[in-house]
Protein backbone atom coordinates (compact mmCIF):
# COMPACT_ATOMS: atom_id res chain seq x y z
CA UNK A 1 9.21 3.43 -14.94
CA UNK A 2 6.94 1.06 -13.06
CA UNK A 3 8.03 -0.61 -9.83
CA UNK A 4 8.86 -4.29 -9.65
CA UNK A 5 5.96 -6.67 -9.18
CA UNK A 6 5.74 -8.00 -5.66
CA UNK A 7 3.76 -10.83 -4.21
CA UNK A 8 1.80 -10.57 -0.95
CA UNK A 9 5.00 -11.07 1.09
CA UNK A 10 6.85 -8.33 -0.79
CA UNK A 11 9.17 -10.64 -2.73
CA UNK A 12 10.56 -9.37 -6.03
CA UNK A 13 13.07 -12.14 -6.66
CA UNK A 14 11.33 -15.03 -8.49
CA UNK A 15 13.24 -17.58 -6.38
CA UNK A 16 12.42 -15.86 -3.08
CA UNK A 17 9.13 -17.74 -2.48
CA UNK A 18 10.95 -21.05 -2.99
CA UNK A 19 13.59 -20.04 -0.45
CA UNK A 20 10.85 -18.86 1.93
CA UNK A 21 9.15 -22.25 1.57
CA UNK A 22 12.48 -23.99 2.18
CA UNK A 23 13.05 -22.03 5.39
CA UNK A 24 9.59 -22.94 6.63
CA UNK A 25 10.16 -26.64 5.88
CA UNK A 26 13.54 -26.60 7.66
CA UNK A 27 11.98 -24.84 10.65
CA UNK A 28 9.23 -27.45 10.81
CA UNK A 29 11.64 -30.38 10.60
CA UNK A 30 13.90 -28.95 13.31
CA UNK A 31 11.12 -28.02 15.69
CA UNK A 32 8.85 -30.03 17.91
CA UNK A 33 5.85 -27.96 16.91
CA UNK A 34 2.92 -29.33 14.98
CA UNK A 35 2.33 -28.55 11.33
CA UNK A 36 -0.62 -26.45 12.36
CA UNK A 37 1.49 -24.34 14.73
CA UNK A 38 4.33 -23.85 12.23
CA UNK A 39 1.89 -22.96 9.46
CA UNK A 40 0.20 -20.36 11.66
CA UNK A 41 3.55 -18.92 12.70
CA UNK A 42 4.74 -18.73 9.08
CA UNK A 43 1.48 -17.25 7.84
CA UNK A 44 0.57 -20.10 5.50
CA UNK A 45 -2.33 -22.49 5.58
CA UNK A 46 -2.03 -25.88 7.26
CA UNK A 47 -3.00 -27.60 4.01
CA UNK A 48 -0.36 -25.58 2.13
CA UNK A 49 2.36 -26.68 4.53
CA UNK A 50 1.15 -30.28 4.26
CA UNK A 51 1.31 -30.07 0.46
CA UNK A 52 4.84 -28.61 0.58
CA UNK A 53 5.96 -31.40 2.91
CA UNK A 54 4.43 -34.07 0.67
CA UNK A 55 6.09 -32.61 -2.44
CA UNK A 56 9.44 -32.29 -0.68
CA UNK A 57 9.23 -35.90 0.53
CA UNK A 58 8.32 -37.09 -2.95
CA UNK A 59 11.27 -35.19 -4.46
CA UNK A 60 13.65 -36.60 -1.82
CA UNK A 61 12.44 -40.15 -2.50
CA UNK A 62 12.83 -39.65 -6.26
CA UNK A 63 16.38 -38.34 -5.91
CA UNK A 64 17.34 -41.10 -3.47
CA UNK A 65 15.93 -43.98 -5.50
CA UNK A 66 16.32 -42.53 -8.98
CA UNK A 67 12.60 -42.99 -9.60
CA UNK A 68 9.99 -40.32 -9.86
CA UNK A 69 6.24 -40.49 -9.50
CA UNK A 70 5.71 -39.20 -13.01
CA UNK A 71 3.03 -40.59 -15.25
CA UNK A 72 3.94 -43.65 -17.28
CA UNK A 73 2.99 -43.87 -20.94
CA UNK A 74 0.66 -46.80 -21.57
CA UNK A 75 -0.56 -48.12 -24.92
CA UNK A 76 -4.11 -47.25 -25.90
CA UNK A 77 -5.86 -50.61 -25.83
CA UNK A 78 -9.03 -49.09 -27.24
CA UNK A 79 -7.57 -47.36 -30.26
CA UNK A 80 -9.51 -47.23 -33.52
CA UNK A 81 -6.75 -49.09 -35.34
CA UNK A 82 -7.10 -52.26 -33.31
CA UNK A 83 -5.93 -55.52 -34.83
CA UNK A 84 -8.40 -57.76 -36.62
CA UNK A 85 -10.44 -59.94 -34.25
CA UNK A 86 -8.81 -63.25 -33.45
CA UNK A 87 -12.07 -65.20 -33.20
CA UNK A 88 -15.33 -65.04 -35.10
CA UNK A 89 -18.53 -66.85 -34.19
CA UNK A 90 -21.47 -66.94 -36.56
CA UNK A 91 -24.75 -67.66 -34.78
CA UNK A 92 -27.73 -69.42 -36.46
CA UNK A 93 -29.71 -66.17 -36.79
CA UNK A 94 -26.94 -64.64 -38.91
CA UNK A 95 -25.37 -62.66 -36.06
CA UNK A 96 -21.56 -62.62 -36.06
CA UNK A 97 -19.62 -62.12 -32.84
CA UNK A 98 -15.96 -61.13 -33.05
CA UNK A 99 -13.41 -60.94 -30.22
């Protein structure tokens, strides 16, 4: 039987990295250290910690306001099945312009 797959921190529980991230975020928020210092202490990149903080803030804002930053479906204004042109202009040379 093969051993359980582990990530670079030795986690086997699929939720362990999320909890690890949560502990790092809590430590950052409670400390007076900079993001750079906390990231170095936790063994993650500064940009990774910044991304985690941004995502956590976005999730907190969404839960507080009831809105998320998800994409919004918009109609395709350039679809092939566009309505017939409302105006038509026939120029003296035989050219027709529709809009």
